[in-house]
Amino acid sequence: MNTSYDSISRLFKPLTDRQIARMSGTAISRREAVQRTLLGAAGLVLGHHLSLRALAATPSSKAKAKSVIQIWMWGGPSHLDTWDPKPEAGNDYCGPLNKPIATNVDGIRICELMPLLAKQADKYAIIRSMTHGSNGHETASYMVQTARAQGGRDVFPSVGAVVSLFKGAQAGYKGLLPPYIVLTEPQGRFSEAGFLGPRYKPFATGGDPGQSRFAVEGVVAPGISDQRQRDRRELLHQLDTLEHAMPGDTQLTAAEQCEKQAYDLILGDAGKVFDLSQEKDELRERYGRNTFGQSCLVARRLVERGVPYVTINYKGGWDTHKQNFQVMRRRLPEMDKGMATLLQDLAQHGLLDSTIVWWSGEFGRTPKIQWEAPWSGGRGHHGGVFSAVVAGGGFKGGQVIGASDAKGDAVKERPVYPGDLIGSMYELLGIDPEAKLPHPQGLVVSATPSAADKAPTGGRLKEII
């Protein structure tokens, strides 16, 4: 089944007592209400069978990964204050974060505010020469996540949507959980599914996994127990006589299957993946009792269940036009704790070899600090050079790819463009980077830019795959 999980979750969202009471009300009959609901659900299911079938990808001999966890640093963190420190550049460039620390890999140093990640450097590779040249949030986000420049009539799909196409239900994925999940809010910078259409949009959970109960939209209803949801479902079935009046109806049969799968997600084992009370308190503390830390834990649980693509949309604080260093001192320890524990936990569960972890924002920050008011030590947007990190799924850890210049202003060696990195991830996932995508107008479009697109490239990341 590959209907819109977002639509299904809303369709079967638990009704309030008042709504149940009103369903036998005056505007339409109970039978009409149920009929309209069930036929709508059947339409979702039948629409699936009429849809375009995903084109088969040619598996790569390098295929090792089954899932991706994307840590999306919404707003663009400073590369100099994370993975590419430049203490020798002086105070106007490095500011107070001028004491980078050694990692467990000789010769690799990172920001002093990431001591836990420093102990995990053998698990990840740092790309210090990412580039695309765009300084706008929307255009840069689109480029990093689609490998395409904006412009033209097409809106291209993000990596998550492409993975959902080639690794989702039409490619044999059997899970009730959606194949593309975002924790917790949509990224909001572009249409993630592009021309592939709403079927390949991510399921955004909403809620906050850092709260006592993770209220996943359409799956976990705040303040309503699972037993109460079961009781409500039973009441609705008792009121419904339509299935007896129309025995053997194919649309109703499809709708019943749709309802069963929706409730299996809400009340069955699949939905329990979001119940973090099943994890030990000690592990939850290691991740950090905050939205990001607990999102990392949920992400591990999701890939453990076979979900192909999970995005952690790490919003808040990374667009540091003002008071960059105050924000970094608050946020980097939180990131350090959550991401380092994620890498360690994936490894301990035997999942790191089959899970790509991809850390990136849309760009970096200007190397030269704006000390004057009103910026008070802020950094602007900088797409000339920035850093990304990849781990697991076949990527070789303990390495640095490329370099920025002495002040972190431009690429010094080995430029890496978004399409280079995305194409490398596709190879490790067994997706042909040149696989053709189903286009609504029948145009020939590949998963990553082809030579005809004349997109800049530094080549696939052969050094680490």
Protein backbone atom coordinates (compact mmCIF):
# COMPACT_ATOMS: atom_id res chain seq x y z
CA MET A 1 0.00 0.00 0.00
CA ASN A 2 1.42 3.36 -1.02
CA THR A 3 -1.41 5.82 -0.45
CA SER A 4 -0.71 9.13 1.24
CA TYR A 5 0.00 8.26 4.87
CA ASP A 6 -0.72 11.86 5.74
CA SER A 7 -4.20 11.55 4.25
CA ILE A 8 -4.86 8.21 5.92
CA SER A 9 -3.80 9.42 9.35
CA ARG A 10 -6.12 12.40 9.08
CA LEU A 11 -8.97 10.29 7.72
CA PHE A 12 -8.84 7.94 10.68
CA LYS A 13 -7.83 10.45 13.32
CA PRO A 14 -9.75 9.48 16.49
CA LEU A 15 -13.05 11.33 16.74
CA THR A 16 -14.06 13.37 19.74
CA ASP A 17 -17.07 12.29 21.82
CA ARG A 18 -18.99 15.27 20.46
CA GLN A 19 -18.20 14.27 16.87
CA ILE A 20 -19.40 10.72 17.51
CA ALA A 21 -22.59 12.01 19.07
CA ARG A 22 -23.21 14.29 16.09
CA MET A 23 -22.59 11.60 13.48
CA SER A 24 -26.22 10.49 13.77
CA GLY A 25 -27.26 14.14 13.57
CA THR A 26 -29.51 16.18 11.36
CA ALA A 27 -27.52 17.38 8.36
CA ILE A 28 -26.96 13.90 6.88
CA SER A 29 -27.81 10.43 8.07
CA ARG A 30 -25.38 8.16 9.87
CA ARG A 31 -25.45 5.84 6.86
CA GLU A 32 -24.57 8.72 4.52
CA ALA A 33 -21.75 9.87 6.77
CA VAL A 34 -20.21 6.42 6.97
CA GLN A 35 -20.69 5.83 3.25
CA ARG A 36 -18.94 9.07 2.34
CA THR A 37 -16.05 8.31 4.68
CA LEU A 38 -15.59 4.74 3.46
CA LEU A 39 -15.85 5.66 -0.21
CA GLY A 40 -13.28 8.38 0.33
CA ALA A 41 -10.93 5.86 1.89
CA ALA A 42 -11.57 3.41 -0.93
CA GLY A 43 -10.71 6.13 -3.40
CA LEU A 44 -7.30 6.48 -1.80
CA VAL A 45 -6.67 2.77 -2.11
CA LEU A 46 -8.00 2.43 -5.65
CA GLY A 47 -6.10 5.55 -6.72
CA HIS A 48 -2.93 3.78 -5.70
CA HIS A 49 -3.57 0.95 -8.13
CA LEU A 50 -4.11 3.41 -10.98
CA SER A 51 -0.90 5.30 -10.29
CA LEU A 52 2.39 5.25 -12.15
CA ARG A 53 4.63 2.37 -11.15
CA ALA A 54 8.08 3.36 -9.95
CA LEU A 55 10.75 2.70 -12.53
CA ALA A 56 13.15 0.01 -11.43
CA ALA A 57 16.59 1.20 -10.39
CA THR A 58 19.67 -0.69 -11.44
CA PRO A 59 21.32 -1.91 -8.22
CA SER A 60 24.87 -0.75 -7.71
CA SER A 61 27.63 -3.17 -6.83
CA LYS A 62 28.42 -0.70 -4.03
CA ALA A 63 24.96 -1.00 -2.50
CA LYS A 64 25.28 -1.42 1.25
CA ALA A 65 22.71 0.97 2.76
CA LYS A 66 19.07 0.28 3.46
CA SER A 67 18.12 3.54 5.18
CA VAL A 68 19.10 7.18 5.55
CA ILE A 69 18.89 9.41 8.63
CA GLN A 70 19.21 12.99 7.46
CA ILE A 71 20.08 15.54 10.15
CA TRP A 72 18.93 18.73 8.49
CA MET A 73 20.51 21.79 10.10
CA TRP A 74 17.78 24.27 9.21
CA GLY A 75 19.23 27.74 8.77
CA GLY A 76 22.84 26.82 8.04
CA PRO A 77 25.39 26.39 10.86
CA SER A 78 28.87 27.89 10.70
CA HIS A 79 31.47 25.52 9.28
CA LEU A 80 34.23 27.33 11.20
CA ASP A 81 32.40 26.72 14.48
CA THR A 82 31.75 23.03 13.87
CA TRP A 83 33.74 20.79 11.50
CA ASP A 84 36.29 23.16 9.94
CA PRO A 85 37.86 25.28 12.71
CA LYS A 86 40.41 27.94 11.74
CA PRO A 87 42.16 29.11 14.94
CA GLU A 88 45.15 30.38 12.97
CA ALA A 89 42.93 32.84 11.08
CA GLY A 90 42.62 35.02 14.18
CA ASN A 91 39.91 36.50 16.32
CA ASP A 92 37.99 38.13 13.46
CA TYR A 93 37.35 34.68 12.02
CA CYS A 94 37.32 32.15 14.84
CA GLY A 95 36.23 34.41 17.70
CA PRO A 96 36.21 32.82 21.16
CA LEU A 97 35.96 29.28 19.71
CA ASN A 98 39.69 29.15 19.10
CA LYS A 99 40.71 25.90 20.79
CA PRO A 100 39.69 23.01 18.49
CA ILE A 101 40.10 19.55 19.96
CA ALA A 102 41.73 16.42 18.61
CA THR A 103 39.48 13.52 17.66
CA ASN A 104 40.10 9.79 17.95
CA VAL A 105 41.53 9.97 14.41
CA ASP A 106 45.02 11.44 14.12
CA GLY A 107 45.11 14.77 12.34
CA ILE A 108 41.40 15.57 12.52
CA ARG A 109 40.29 18.43 14.76
CA ILE A 110 36.79 19.77 15.35
CA CYS A 111 35.17 22.45 17.51
CA GLU A 112 35.83 22.23 21.24
CA LEU A 113 32.08 22.23 21.91
CA MET A 114 31.74 18.75 20.35
CA PRO A 115 33.83 16.49 22.63
CA LEU A 116 31.54 13.47 22.30
CA LEU A 117 31.60 13.57 18.51
CA ALA A 118 35.37 13.90 18.71
CA LYS A 119 35.39 10.39 20.20
CA GLN A 120 33.35 9.05 17.26
CA ALA A 121 35.40 10.48 14.35
CA ASP A 122 36.37 7.02 13.17
CA LYS A 123 32.69 6.50 12.28
CA TYR A 124 32.18 9.54 10.04
CA ALA A 125 33.77 11.43 7.16
CA ILE A 126 33.90 15.23 7.08
CA ILE A 127 33.45 16.96 3.72
CA ARG A 128 35.03 20.42 4.11
CA SER A 129 34.61 21.53 0.51
CA MET A 130 30.86 21.49 -0.11
CA THR A 131 29.88 24.33 -2.42
CA HIS A 132 27.06 25.69 -4.57
CA GLY A 133 27.46 29.45 -4.38
CA SER A 134 23.92 30.33 -3.29
CA ASN A 135 23.37 32.53 -0.23
CA GLY A 136 19.56 32.38 -0.11
CA HIS A 137 17.84 29.96 2.29
CA GLU A 138 15.23 28.72 -0.19
CA THR A 139 17.52 28.34 -3.20
CA ALA A 140 20.33 26.78 -1.16
CA SER A 141 18.00 24.33 0.61
CA TYR A 142 16.57 23.29 -2.73
CA MET A 143 20.04 22.77 -4.23
CA VAL A 144 21.43 20.76 -1.30
CA GLN A 145 18.41 18.45 -1.16
CA THR A 146 17.65 18.01 -4.87
CA ALA A 147 21.09 18.54 -6.53
CA ARG A 148 19.39 21.01 -8.89
CA ALA A 149 19.48 24.75 -9.32
CA GLN A 150 16.18 26.55 -9.13
CA GLY A 151 14.69 27.78 -12.35
CA GLY A 152 12.74 26.29 -15.19
CA ARG A 153 9.26 24.85 -15.01
CA ASP A 154 10.06 21.75 -12.96
CA VAL A 155 10.29 21.44 -9.19
CA PHE A 156 12.54 18.46 -8.59
CA PRO A 157 12.02 15.95 -5.76
CA SER A 158 14.22 15.85 -2.68
CA VAL A 159 16.46 12.92 -1.81
CA GLY A 160 13.83 11.59 0.60
CA ALA A 161 11.14 11.54 -2.09
CA VAL A 162 13.43 9.78 -4.58
CA VAL A 163 14.35 7.16 -1.97
CA SER A 164 10.65 6.73 -1.20
CA LEU A 165 10.02 6.16 -4.91
CA PHE A 166 12.72 3.51 -5.34
CA LYS A 167 12.65 1.98 -1.85
CA GLY A 168 8.99 2.41 -0.88
CA ALA A 169 5.91 0.24 -1.31
CA GLN A 170 6.17 -0.12 -5.08
CA ALA A 171 9.71 -1.45 -4.61
CA GLY A 172 8.72 -4.06 -2.04
CA TYR A 173 8.63 -2.09 1.22
CA LYS A 174 6.01 -3.83 3.37
CA GLY A 175 5.94 -1.75 6.55
CA LEU A 176 2.87 0.08 7.81
CA LEU A 177 5.08 3.01 8.73
CA PRO A 178 5.51 5.56 5.95
CA PRO A 179 8.73 5.15 3.94
CA TYR A 180 9.65 8.85 4.33
CA ILE A 181 9.21 10.43 7.76
CA VAL A 182 10.15 13.89 9.04
CA LEU A 183 10.73 14.56 12.73
CA THR A 184 8.89 16.71 13.57
CA GLU A 185 8.00 19.67 11.29
CA PRO A 186 8.11 19.90 7.49
CA GLN A 187 11.21 21.66 6.25
CA GLY A 188 9.15 24.41 4.69
CA ARG A 189 11.80 25.68 2.28
CA PHE A 190 10.56 23.82 -0.80
CA SER A 191 8.14 21.14 -1.98
CA GLU A 192 9.90 17.94 -0.94
CA ALA A 193 8.08 15.70 -3.43
CA GLY A 194 8.41 18.06 -6.41
CA PHE A 195 6.90 16.74 -9.64
CA LEU A 196 6.63 13.21 -8.19
CA GLY A 197 3.48 14.41 -6.48
CA PRO A 198 1.93 14.21 -3.00
CA ARG A 199 2.28 10.42 -2.70
CA TYR A 200 5.99 10.96 -2.07
CA LYS A 201 5.69 13.77 0.42
CA PRO A 202 7.09 12.96 3.85
CA PHE A 203 4.89 12.12 6.79
CA ALA A 204 5.61 14.89 9.31
CA THR A 205 5.01 13.59 12.81
CA GLY A 206 4.31 16.89 14.56
CA GLY A 207 4.48 16.67 18.34
CA ASP A 208 7.62 16.62 20.43
CA PRO A 209 9.45 13.38 21.30
CA GLY A 210 10.99 15.23 24.24
CA GLN A 211 7.60 15.36 25.98
CA SER A 212 6.32 12.62 28.28
CA ARG A 213 4.18 11.25 25.41
CA PHE A 214 5.16 11.80 21.80
CA ALA A 215 1.88 12.99 20.26
CA VAL A 216 2.41 11.89 16.65
CA GLU A 217 -0.23 13.55 14.52
CA GLY A 218 -2.90 11.09 13.43
CA VAL A 219 -1.32 8.25 15.41
CA VAL A 220 -1.19 9.30 19.05
CA ALA A 221 -4.05 11.48 20.28
CA PRO A 222 -3.10 13.71 23.25
CA GLY A 223 -5.11 12.87 26.34
CA ILE A 224 -6.77 9.79 24.82
CA SER A 225 -5.66 6.31 25.86
CA ASP A 226 -5.29 3.42 23.42
CA GLN A 227 -8.19 1.62 25.11
CA ARG A 228 -10.47 4.60 24.60
CA GLN A 229 -9.52 4.65 20.91
CA ARG A 230 -10.40 0.95 20.67
CA ASP A 231 -13.75 1.58 22.37
CA ARG A 232 -14.55 4.36 19.91
CA ARG A 233 -13.69 2.17 16.95
CA GLU A 234 -15.95 -0.59 18.29
CA LEU A 235 -18.80 1.90 18.76
CA LEU A 236 -18.48 3.12 15.18
CA HIS A 237 -18.58 -0.48 13.93
CA GLN A 238 -21.73 -1.13 15.96
CA LEU A 239 -23.41 1.90 14.41
CA ASP A 240 -22.33 1.02 10.89
CA THR A 241 -24.78 -1.18 8.98
CA LEU A 242 -23.61 -0.23 5.49
CA GLU A 243 -21.32 -3.23 5.12
CA HIS A 244 -24.31 -5.53 5.73
CA ALA A 245 -26.44 -3.64 3.21
CA MET A 246 -23.76 -3.87 0.49
CA PRO A 247 -22.04 -7.26 0.97
CA GLY A 248 -19.17 -7.99 -1.39
CA ASP A 249 -18.88 -4.41 -2.62
CA THR A 250 -15.29 -3.99 -3.90
CA GLN A 251 -15.02 -0.35 -2.85
CA LEU A 252 -16.17 -1.16 0.67
CA THR A 253 -13.77 -4.10 0.81
CA ALA A 254 -10.91 -1.81 -0.17
CA ALA A 255 -12.04 0.74 2.37
CA GLU A 256 -12.19 -1.87 5.11
CA GLN A 257 -8.61 -2.90 4.31
CA CYS A 258 -7.57 0.75 4.38
CA GLU A 259 -9.24 1.20 7.76
CA LYS A 260 -7.60 -1.95 9.15
CA GLN A 261 -4.14 -0.79 8.11
CA ALA A 262 -4.74 2.67 9.53
CA TYR A 263 -5.80 1.27 12.89
CA ASP A 264 -2.95 -1.22 12.86
CA LEU A 265 -0.67 1.81 12.61
CA ILE A 266 -2.51 3.70 15.35
CA LEU A 267 -3.07 0.86 17.82
CA GLY A 268 -0.78 -1.95 16.68
CA ASP A 269 2.92 -2.67 17.03
CA ALA A 270 3.91 -0.26 14.25
CA GLY A 271 2.71 2.77 16.20
CA LYS A 272 4.66 1.67 19.26
CA VAL A 273 7.87 2.73 17.51
CA PHE A 274 7.06 6.25 18.70
CA ASP A 275 6.67 5.17 22.35
CA LEU A 276 10.01 6.09 23.88
CA SER A 277 8.95 4.84 27.31
CA GLN A 278 10.02 1.43 25.98
CA GLU A 279 13.64 2.61 26.07
CA LYS A 280 15.77 2.69 29.21
CA ASP A 281 16.01 6.03 30.98
CA GLU A 282 19.80 5.82 30.90
CA LEU A 283 19.80 5.68 27.09
CA ARG A 284 17.31 8.54 26.83
CA GLU A 285 19.54 10.63 29.06
CA ARG A 286 22.53 9.87 26.87
CA TYR A 287 20.67 11.16 23.83
CA GLY A 288 19.58 14.27 25.74
CA ARG A 289 16.12 15.02 27.11
CA ASN A 290 15.29 17.56 24.43
CA THR A 291 13.54 17.57 21.07
CA PHE A 292 16.68 16.90 19.03
CA GLY A 293 18.12 14.20 21.27
CA GLN A 294 14.86 12.28 21.47
CA SER A 295 14.32 12.73 17.71
CA CYS A 296 17.65 10.97 17.18
CA LEU A 297 16.41 8.10 19.33
CA VAL A 298 13.13 7.89 17.38
CA ALA A 299 15.13 7.89 14.14
CA ARG A 300 17.13 4.90 15.30
CA ARG A 301 13.91 3.08 16.20
CA LEU A 302 12.42 3.88 12.77
CA VAL A 303 15.36 2.55 10.74
CA GLU A 304 15.38 -0.48 13.03
CA ARG A 305 11.84 -1.09 11.71
CA GLY A 306 13.07 -0.74 8.14
CA VAL A 307 11.90 2.80 7.33
CA PRO A 308 14.02 3.84 4.30
CA TYR A 309 14.29 7.60 4.93
CA VAL A 310 14.05 9.69 8.10
CA THR A 311 14.73 13.42 8.31
CA ILE A 312 15.38 15.14 11.63
CA ASN A 313 14.52 18.75 10.91
CA TYR A 314 16.78 20.41 13.48
CA LYS A 315 15.24 23.85 13.59
CA GLY A 316 15.98 26.80 15.79
CA GLY A 317 19.16 28.72 16.32
CA TRP A 318 21.34 27.91 13.30
CA ASP A 319 20.62 31.08 11.31
CA THR A 320 23.03 33.05 13.49
CA HIS A 321 23.07 36.57 12.05
CA LYS A 322 23.30 37.83 15.63
CA GLN A 323 25.19 36.56 18.66
CA ASN A 324 26.55 33.52 16.85
CA PHE A 325 28.79 32.41 19.70
CA GLN A 326 26.15 32.65 22.41
CA VAL A 327 23.91 30.42 20.28
CA MET A 328 26.72 27.96 19.55
CA ARG A 329 27.47 27.55 23.26
CA ARG A 330 23.84 26.64 23.88
CA ARG A 331 23.11 24.49 20.86
CA LEU A 332 26.32 22.65 19.97
CA PRO A 333 26.47 20.63 23.22
CA GLU A 334 22.88 19.49 22.54
CA MET A 335 23.79 18.47 18.99
CA ASP A 336 27.00 16.82 20.16
CA LYS A 337 25.18 14.67 22.67
CA GLY A 338 22.35 13.57 20.38
CA MET A 339 24.36 12.87 17.24
CA ALA A 340 27.26 11.15 19.01
CA THR A 341 24.86 8.85 20.85
CA LEU A 342 22.99 8.13 17.61
CA LEU A 343 26.18 6.95 15.90
CA GLN A 344 27.15 4.83 18.88
CA ASP A 345 23.65 3.39 19.30
CA LEU A 346 23.34 2.51 15.61
CA ALA A 347 26.69 0.73 15.80
CA GLN A 348 25.69 -1.20 18.93
CA HIS A 349 22.45 -2.31 17.27
CA GLY A 350 24.30 -3.47 14.15
CA LEU A 351 22.58 -0.79 12.07
CA LEU A 352 25.36 1.64 11.21
CA ASP A 353 26.67 -0.49 8.34
CA SER A 354 23.25 -0.32 6.67
CA THR A 355 22.24 3.24 7.66
CA ILE A 356 23.61 6.43 6.13
CA VAL A 357 23.71 9.35 8.55
CA TRP A 358 23.88 12.64 6.62
CA TRP A 359 24.47 15.92 8.50
CA SER A 360 24.18 19.16 6.55
CA GLY A 361 22.62 22.59 6.41
CA GLU A 362 21.84 24.57 3.30
CA PHE A 363 25.15 26.49 3.53
CA GLY A 364 27.75 27.70 6.02
CA ARG A 365 28.24 31.13 7.58
CA THR A 366 30.48 34.01 6.58
CA PRO A 367 34.00 33.41 7.92
CA LYS A 368 34.59 37.00 8.94
CA ILE A 369 32.60 37.83 12.05
CA GLN A 370 30.35 40.89 12.17
CA TRP A 371 31.27 42.29 15.56
CA GLU A 372 29.48 45.62 15.12
CA ALA A 373 25.93 46.37 16.28
CA PRO A 374 23.31 45.11 15.73
CA TRP A 375 25.01 41.81 14.83
CA SER A 376 27.09 41.55 18.02
CA GLY A 377 29.30 38.76 16.74
CA GLY A 378 27.03 37.35 14.06
CA ARG A 379 27.71 35.53 10.82
CA GLY A 380 25.87 35.86 7.50
CA HIS A 381 24.96 33.29 4.83
CA HIS A 382 27.81 31.64 2.94
CA GLY A 383 27.33 29.15 0.10
CA GLY A 384 30.85 29.45 -1.27
CA VAL A 385 32.15 26.68 0.95
CA PHE A 386 30.67 24.75 3.86
CA SER A 387 30.86 21.37 5.57
CA ALA A 388 28.80 18.20 5.53
CA VAL A 389 29.26 14.93 7.41
CA VAL A 390 28.37 11.40 6.33
CA ALA A 391 28.59 8.16 8.27
CA GLY A 392 27.56 4.55 7.89
CA GLY A 393 25.84 2.76 5.04
CA GLY A 394 29.11 2.10 3.26
CA PHE A 395 30.79 5.47 3.79
CA LYS A 396 34.28 5.08 5.23
CA GLY A 397 34.80 6.97 8.47
CA GLY A 398 37.85 8.67 9.89
CA GLN A 399 38.51 10.80 6.82
CA VAL A 400 38.37 14.40 5.64
CA ILE A 401 37.40 15.15 2.05
CA GLY A 402 38.46 18.43 0.47
CA ALA A 403 39.56 21.62 2.16
CA SER A 404 38.63 25.28 2.45
CA ASP A 405 41.22 28.04 2.29
CA ALA A 406 43.03 29.49 5.31
CA LYS A 407 40.06 31.63 6.34
CA GLY A 408 37.26 29.25 5.35
CA ASP A 409 36.08 31.58 2.60
CA ALA A 410 36.42 29.42 -0.52
CA VAL A 411 37.18 25.89 -1.67
CA LYS A 412 40.91 25.21 -1.69
CA GLU A 413 40.84 21.65 -2.98
CA ARG A 414 38.42 18.94 -4.12
CA PRO A 415 35.09 20.82 -4.58
CA VAL A 416 32.06 18.70 -3.76
CA TYR A 417 28.71 19.78 -5.20
CA PRO A 418 25.32 18.61 -3.91
CA GLY A 419 24.89 16.26 -6.86
CA ASP A 420 28.22 14.58 -6.11
CA LEU A 421 27.18 13.75 -2.55
CA ILE A 422 23.60 12.80 -3.43
CA GLY A 423 24.73 10.56 -6.27
CA SER A 424 27.17 8.83 -3.92
CA MET A 425 24.37 8.18 -1.42
CA TYR A 426 22.16 6.77 -4.17
CA GLU A 427 24.93 4.38 -5.20
CA LEU A 428 25.24 3.08 -1.65
CA LEU A 429 21.45 2.66 -1.50
CA GLY A 430 21.44 0.62 -4.72
CA ILE A 431 19.75 3.41 -6.68
CA ASP A 432 21.21 4.25 -10.07
CA PRO A 433 22.06 7.99 -9.92
CA GLU A 434 21.01 8.16 -13.55
CA ALA A 435 17.74 6.29 -13.04
CA LYS A 436 14.83 7.90 -14.84
CA LEU A 437 12.13 9.52 -12.73
CA PRO A 438 8.45 9.31 -13.75
CA HIS A 439 7.68 12.81 -15.04
CA PRO A 440 4.03 13.97 -15.38
CA GLN A 441 4.71 15.28 -18.91
CA GLY A 442 6.76 12.28 -19.91
CA LEU A 443 10.05 14.17 -19.99
CA VAL A 444 13.30 12.23 -19.55
CA VAL A 445 14.63 13.25 -16.13
CA SER A 446 17.31 11.45 -14.14
CA ALA A 447 17.66 11.15 -10.37
CA THR A 448 20.78 13.36 -10.41
CA PRO A 449 21.89 15.88 -13.01
CA SER A 450 23.21 14.34 -16.21
CA ALA A 451 25.84 15.73 -18.53
CA ALA A 452 23.07 17.40 -20.52
CA ASP A 453 22.13 19.46 -17.46
CA LYS A 454 25.62 21.00 -17.43
CA ALA A 455 25.62 21.05 -13.63
CA PRO A 456 29.01 21.59 -11.96
CA THR A 457 30.57 18.48 -10.52
CA GLY A 458 33.70 17.45 -8.68
CA GLY A 459 32.89 13.75 -9.13
CA ARG A 460 31.39 11.10 -6.88
CA LEU A 461 32.98 10.54 -3.50
CA LYS A 462 35.07 7.53 -4.53
CA GLU A 463 37.50 8.27 -1.69
CA ILE A 464 34.97 7.20 0.93
CA ILE A 465 32.65 4.71 -0.79
